[in-house]
């Protein structure tokens, strides 16, 4: 396409403006244009940091809920064996009791 000179472009634009009443415009054209404009991002607007992580946090929430349910079931089925063992260690020798010993490191 050849570049248009400024005067010729001005004449074409003026002719189009004068003939705008004769141009056929379908129904709903203005609504469609405004809807398209609303979907465009604002000029110069930057997304907030929290907005970028919102989708990730909702994906993580489902996995976290599933993990909580699984751990709850495991804890309920395990009973009170760990509490019983720690109480037995404390009662047998309360001065030398430490949690590290109950795990079995020392």
N, C-alpha and C. Protein backbone atom coordinates (compact mmCIF):
# COMPACT_ATOMS: atom_id res chain seq x y z
N UNK A 1 0.85 -1.18 0.00
CA UNK A 1 0.00 0.00 0.00
C UNK A 1 0.89 1.23 0.00
N UNK A 2 0.57 2.18 -0.88
CA UNK A 2 1.35 3.41 -0.97
C UNK A 2 0.99 4.35 0.17
N UNK A 3 1.97 5.05 0.69
CA UNK A 3 1.67 6.02 1.74
C UNK A 3 0.83 7.18 1.19
N UNK A 4 -0.17 7.59 1.94
CA UNK A 4 -1.04 8.70 1.53
C UNK A 4 -0.46 10.01 2.02
N UNK A 5 -0.62 11.02 1.22
CA UNK A 5 -0.17 12.35 1.64
C UNK A 5 -1.18 12.92 2.62
N UNK A 6 -0.72 13.87 3.39
CA UNK A 6 -1.54 14.42 4.46
C UNK A 6 -2.82 15.07 3.94
N UNK A 7 -2.76 15.80 2.87
CA UNK A 7 -3.95 16.47 2.31
C UNK A 7 -4.95 15.46 1.78
N UNK A 8 -4.44 14.43 1.09
CA UNK A 8 -5.33 13.40 0.54
C UNK A 8 -6.01 12.62 1.67
N UNK A 9 -5.27 12.31 2.71
CA UNK A 9 -5.85 11.61 3.85
C UNK A 9 -6.91 12.46 4.53
N UNK A 10 -6.66 13.75 4.64
CA UNK A 10 -7.63 14.65 5.25
C UNK A 10 -8.90 14.71 4.43
N UNK A 11 -8.78 14.71 3.11
CA UNK A 11 -9.95 14.75 2.22
C UNK A 11 -10.75 13.45 2.34
N UNK A 12 -10.06 12.31 2.42
CA UNK A 12 -10.75 11.02 2.55
C UNK A 12 -11.50 10.96 3.87
N UNK A 13 -10.87 11.42 4.94
CA UNK A 13 -11.51 11.40 6.25
C UNK A 13 -12.72 12.35 6.29
N UNK A 14 -12.63 13.51 5.64
CA UNK A 14 -13.74 14.46 5.61
C UNK A 14 -14.90 13.88 4.82
N UNK A 15 -14.62 13.20 3.71
CA UNK A 15 -15.68 12.59 2.90
C UNK A 15 -16.37 11.47 3.70
N UNK A 16 -15.60 10.68 4.43
CA UNK A 16 -16.19 9.62 5.23
C UNK A 16 -17.05 10.20 6.34
N UNK A 17 -16.66 11.31 6.91
CA UNK A 17 -17.45 11.94 7.96
C UNK A 17 -18.78 12.46 7.40
N UNK A 18 -18.73 13.05 6.21
CA UNK A 18 -19.96 13.58 5.63
C UNK A 18 -20.93 12.45 5.24
N UNK A 19 -20.43 11.29 4.91
CA UNK A 19 -21.27 10.18 4.46
C UNK A 19 -21.61 9.20 5.59
N UNK A 20 -21.34 9.56 6.82
CA UNK A 20 -21.56 8.62 7.92
C UNK A 20 -23.03 8.31 8.13
N UNK A 21 -23.93 9.21 7.81
CA UNK A 21 -25.35 8.95 7.97
C UNK A 21 -25.83 7.90 6.96
N UNK A 22 -25.18 7.80 5.82
CA UNK A 22 -25.60 6.85 4.78
C UNK A 22 -25.00 5.47 5.00
N UNK A 23 -24.02 5.35 5.87
CA UNK A 23 -23.37 4.05 6.09
C UNK A 23 -24.29 3.14 6.89
N UNK A 24 -24.50 1.91 6.42
CA UNK A 24 -25.36 0.99 7.16
C UNK A 24 -24.63 0.42 8.39
N UNK A 25 -25.30 0.51 9.53
CA UNK A 25 -24.73 0.00 10.78
C UNK A 25 -25.70 -1.04 11.32
N UNK A 26 -25.24 -2.26 11.55
CA UNK A 26 -26.15 -3.29 12.06
C UNK A 26 -26.58 -3.01 13.50
N UNK A 27 -27.71 -3.60 13.86
CA UNK A 27 -28.21 -3.44 15.24
C UNK A 27 -27.24 -4.10 16.21
N UNK A 28 -27.05 -3.49 17.34
CA UNK A 28 -26.16 -4.04 18.35
C UNK A 28 -24.69 -3.74 18.12
N UNK A 29 -24.39 -2.96 17.10
CA UNK A 29 -22.98 -2.67 16.81
C UNK A 29 -22.34 -1.89 17.94
N UNK A 30 -23.02 -0.88 18.45
CA UNK A 30 -22.46 -0.05 19.51
C UNK A 30 -22.26 -0.87 20.79
N UNK A 31 -23.21 -1.74 21.12
CA UNK A 31 -23.05 -2.59 22.31
C UNK A 31 -21.86 -3.53 22.16
N UNK A 32 -21.67 -4.08 20.96
CA UNK A 32 -20.54 -4.98 20.72
C UNK A 32 -19.21 -4.25 20.84
N UNK A 33 -19.17 -3.03 20.33
CA UNK A 33 -17.94 -2.24 20.43
C UNK A 33 -17.65 -1.90 21.88
N UNK A 34 -18.66 -1.49 22.63
CA UNK A 34 -18.44 -1.14 24.03
C UNK A 34 -18.05 -2.37 24.85
N UNK A 35 -18.61 -3.53 24.55
CA UNK A 35 -18.23 -4.75 25.25
C UNK A 35 -16.77 -5.09 24.98
N UNK A 36 -16.34 -4.90 23.75
CA UNK A 36 -14.94 -5.16 23.40
C UNK A 36 -14.01 -4.18 24.11
N UNK A 37 -14.42 -2.94 24.23
CA UNK A 37 -13.60 -1.94 24.92
C UNK A 37 -13.49 -2.28 26.40
N UNK A 38 -14.56 -2.79 27.00
CA UNK A 38 -14.51 -3.15 28.41
C UNK A 38 -13.56 -4.31 28.69
N UNK A 39 -13.33 -5.16 27.70
CA UNK A 39 -12.43 -6.29 27.91
C UNK A 39 -10.96 -5.91 27.77
N UNK A 40 -10.68 -4.76 27.19
CA UNK A 40 -9.30 -4.32 27.03
C UNK A 40 -8.72 -3.88 28.38
N UNK A 41 -7.44 -4.16 28.62
CA UNK A 41 -6.84 -3.71 29.88
C UNK A 41 -6.67 -2.19 29.88
N UNK A 42 -6.67 -1.62 31.06
CA UNK A 42 -6.49 -0.17 31.19
C UNK A 42 -5.08 0.20 30.76
N UNK A 43 -4.95 1.34 30.15
CA UNK A 43 -3.65 1.80 29.69
C UNK A 43 -2.81 2.20 30.88
N UNK A 44 -1.63 1.64 30.99
CA UNK A 44 -0.72 1.97 32.07
C UNK A 44 -1.02 1.27 33.38
N UNK A 45 -2.05 0.45 33.42
CA UNK A 45 -2.39 -0.24 34.66
C UNK A 45 -1.54 -1.49 34.81
N UNK A 46 -1.03 -1.68 36.01
CA UNK A 46 -0.23 -2.88 36.29
C UNK A 46 -1.04 -3.78 37.21
N UNK A 47 -1.00 -5.08 36.98
CA UNK A 47 -1.74 -5.97 37.88
C UNK A 47 -1.08 -6.01 39.26
N UNK A 48 -1.92 -6.14 40.28
CA UNK A 48 -1.38 -6.24 41.63
C UNK A 48 -0.73 -7.60 41.82
N UNK A 49 0.21 -7.66 42.73
CA UNK A 49 0.93 -8.90 42.98
C UNK A 49 -0.02 -9.97 43.49
N UNK A 50 -0.97 -9.60 44.33
CA UNK A 50 -1.91 -10.58 44.87
C UNK A 50 -2.80 -11.16 43.79
N UNK A 51 -3.13 -10.38 42.78
CA UNK A 51 -3.97 -10.88 41.70
C UNK A 51 -3.29 -11.98 40.92
N UNK A 52 -1.97 -11.91 40.80
CA UNK A 52 -1.25 -12.93 40.05
C UNK A 52 -1.24 -14.27 40.77
N UNK A 53 -1.29 -14.25 42.10
CA UNK A 53 -1.24 -15.48 42.87
C UNK A 53 -2.62 -16.00 43.25
N UNK A 54 -3.68 -15.31 42.87
CA UNK A 54 -5.03 -15.74 43.25
C UNK A 54 -5.38 -17.08 42.63
N UNK A 55 -5.09 -17.25 41.37
CA UNK A 55 -5.39 -18.53 40.72
C UNK A 55 -4.59 -19.67 41.30
N UNK A 56 -3.34 -19.41 41.61
CA UNK A 56 -2.49 -20.44 42.19
C UNK A 56 -2.97 -20.83 43.58
N UNK A 57 -3.40 -19.86 44.36
CA UNK A 57 -3.85 -20.17 45.72
C UNK A 57 -5.13 -21.00 45.70
N UNK A 58 -6.04 -20.77 44.76
CA UNK A 58 -7.26 -21.57 44.70
C UNK A 58 -6.95 -22.99 44.24
N UNK A 59 -5.95 -23.16 43.37
CA UNK A 59 -5.56 -24.52 42.98
C UNK A 59 -4.93 -25.24 44.17
N UNK A 60 -4.17 -24.52 44.95
CA UNK A 60 -3.51 -25.12 46.11
C UNK A 60 -4.51 -25.47 47.20
N UNK A 61 -5.60 -24.71 47.30
CA UNK A 61 -6.58 -24.94 48.36
C UNK A 61 -7.21 -26.33 48.26
N UNK A 62 -7.50 -26.78 47.07
CA UNK A 62 -8.10 -28.11 46.91
C UNK A 62 -7.13 -29.20 47.37
N UNK A 63 -5.88 -29.07 47.00
CA UNK A 63 -4.88 -30.05 47.42
C UNK A 63 -4.67 -30.01 48.93
N UNK A 64 -4.69 -28.84 49.52
CA UNK A 64 -4.52 -28.71 50.97
C UNK A 64 -5.69 -29.35 51.72
N UNK A 65 -6.91 -29.17 51.23
CA UNK A 65 -8.08 -29.79 51.86
C UNK A 65 -8.00 -31.31 51.79
N UNK A 66 -7.59 -31.82 50.65
CA UNK A 66 -7.45 -33.27 50.51
C UNK A 66 -6.39 -33.81 51.47
N UNK A 67 -5.29 -33.09 51.61
CA UNK A 67 -4.23 -33.51 52.52
C UNK A 67 -4.71 -33.48 53.97
N UNK A 68 -5.47 -32.48 54.34
CA UNK A 68 -6.01 -32.40 55.71
C UNK A 68 -6.94 -33.58 55.99
N UNK A 69 -7.76 -33.93 55.03
CA UNK A 69 -8.66 -35.07 55.21
C UNK A 69 -7.89 -36.37 55.38
N UNK A 70 -6.87 -36.58 54.56
CA UNK A 70 -6.07 -37.80 54.64
C UNK A 70 -5.35 -37.87 55.98
N UNK A 71 -4.74 -36.77 56.40
CA UNK A 71 -4.03 -36.77 57.68
C UNK A 71 -4.98 -36.94 58.87
N UNK A 72 -6.18 -36.42 58.75
CA UNK A 72 -7.17 -36.60 59.82
C UNK A 72 -7.56 -38.06 59.95
N UNK A 73 -7.78 -38.71 58.83
CA UNK A 73 -8.13 -40.13 58.87
C UNK A 73 -6.99 -40.95 59.46
N UNK A 74 -5.75 -40.65 59.07
CA UNK A 74 -4.60 -41.37 59.60
C UNK A 74 -4.46 -41.14 61.10
N UNK A 75 -4.66 -39.92 61.54
CA UNK A 75 -4.54 -39.61 62.97
C UNK A 75 -5.63 -40.30 63.79
N UNK A 76 -6.83 -40.36 63.26
CA UNK A 76 -7.92 -41.01 63.98
C UNK A 76 -7.74 -42.52 64.04
N UNK A 77 -7.17 -43.10 63.02
CA UNK A 77 -6.95 -44.54 63.02
C UNK A 77 -5.74 -44.94 63.86
N UNK A 78 -4.79 -44.03 64.03
CA UNK A 78 -3.59 -44.32 64.79
C UNK A 78 -3.86 -44.46 66.28
N UNK A 79 -4.89 -43.88 66.77
CA UNK A 79 -5.23 -43.97 68.19
C UNK A 79 -4.31 -43.10 69.03
N UNK A 80 -4.14 -43.50 70.30
CA UNK A 80 -3.34 -42.71 71.22
C UNK A 80 -2.03 -43.42 71.57
N UNK A 81 -1.49 -44.19 70.66
CA UNK A 81 -0.27 -44.95 70.92
C UNK A 81 0.91 -44.01 71.21
N UNK A 82 1.05 -42.95 70.45
CA UNK A 82 2.19 -42.04 70.66
C UNK A 82 2.09 -41.34 72.01
N UNK A 83 0.92 -40.90 72.39
CA UNK A 83 0.75 -40.23 73.68
C UNK A 83 1.03 -41.20 74.83
N UNK A 84 0.60 -42.43 74.68
CA UNK A 84 0.85 -43.44 75.71
C UNK A 84 2.35 -43.69 75.87
N UNK A 85 3.06 -43.78 74.77
CA UNK A 85 4.51 -44.04 74.82
C UNK A 85 5.25 -42.88 75.48
N UNK A 86 4.88 -41.65 75.15
CA UNK A 86 5.55 -40.49 75.76
C UNK A 86 5.25 -40.41 77.25
N UNK A 87 4.02 -40.69 77.65
CA UNK A 87 3.67 -40.68 79.08
C UNK A 87 4.44 -41.76 79.83
N UNK A 88 4.60 -42.93 79.24
CA UNK A 88 5.35 -44.01 79.87
C UNK A 88 6.81 -43.62 80.05
N UNK A 89 7.42 -42.98 79.06
CA UNK A 89 8.82 -42.55 79.17
C UNK A 89 8.98 -41.48 80.25
N UNK A 90 8.03 -40.57 80.36
CA UNK A 90 8.12 -39.50 81.35
C UNK A 90 7.94 -40.05 82.77
N UNK A 91 7.02 -40.95 82.92
CA UNK A 91 6.77 -41.52 84.25
C UNK A 91 7.95 -42.38 84.70
N UNK A 92 8.55 -43.10 83.78
CA UNK A 92 9.64 -43.99 84.17
C UNK A 92 10.89 -43.21 84.60
N UNK A 93 11.22 -42.09 83.96
CA UNK A 93 12.40 -41.31 84.32
C UNK A 93 12.16 -39.84 83.97
N UNK A 94 11.47 -39.08 84.84
CA UNK A 94 11.09 -37.71 84.49
C UNK A 94 12.26 -36.74 84.38
N UNK A 95 13.40 -36.99 85.03
CA UNK A 95 14.51 -36.05 84.97
C UNK A 95 15.28 -36.14 83.65
N UNK A 96 15.38 -37.31 83.08
CA UNK A 96 16.13 -37.48 81.84
C UNK A 96 15.25 -37.49 80.60
N UNK A 97 14.00 -37.16 80.76
CA UNK A 97 13.06 -37.24 79.62
C UNK A 97 13.29 -36.08 78.65
N UNK A 98 13.33 -36.39 77.39
CA UNK A 98 13.35 -35.37 76.36
C UNK A 98 12.65 -35.94 75.12
N UNK A 99 12.16 -35.07 74.31
CA UNK A 99 11.46 -35.54 73.11
C UNK A 99 12.40 -36.23 72.14
N UNK A 100 13.68 -35.86 72.16
CA UNK A 100 14.64 -36.49 71.28
C UNK A 100 14.80 -37.96 71.65
N UNK A 101 14.75 -38.25 72.94
CA UNK A 101 14.86 -39.64 73.37
C UNK A 101 13.62 -40.44 72.96
N UNK A 102 12.46 -39.81 72.99
CA UNK A 102 11.25 -40.55 72.63
C UNK A 102 11.25 -40.91 71.16
N UNK A 103 11.91 -40.12 70.34
CA UNK A 103 12.00 -40.46 68.91
C UNK A 103 12.97 -41.61 68.71
N UNK A 104 13.99 -41.69 69.54
CA UNK A 104 14.91 -42.80 69.46
C UNK A 104 16.29 -42.41 68.98
N UNK A 105 16.66 -41.15 69.03
CA UNK A 105 18.00 -40.74 68.60
C UNK A 105 19.07 -41.05 69.64
N UNK A 106 18.72 -40.95 70.91
CA UNK A 106 19.70 -41.19 71.98
C UNK A 106 19.27 -42.30 72.89
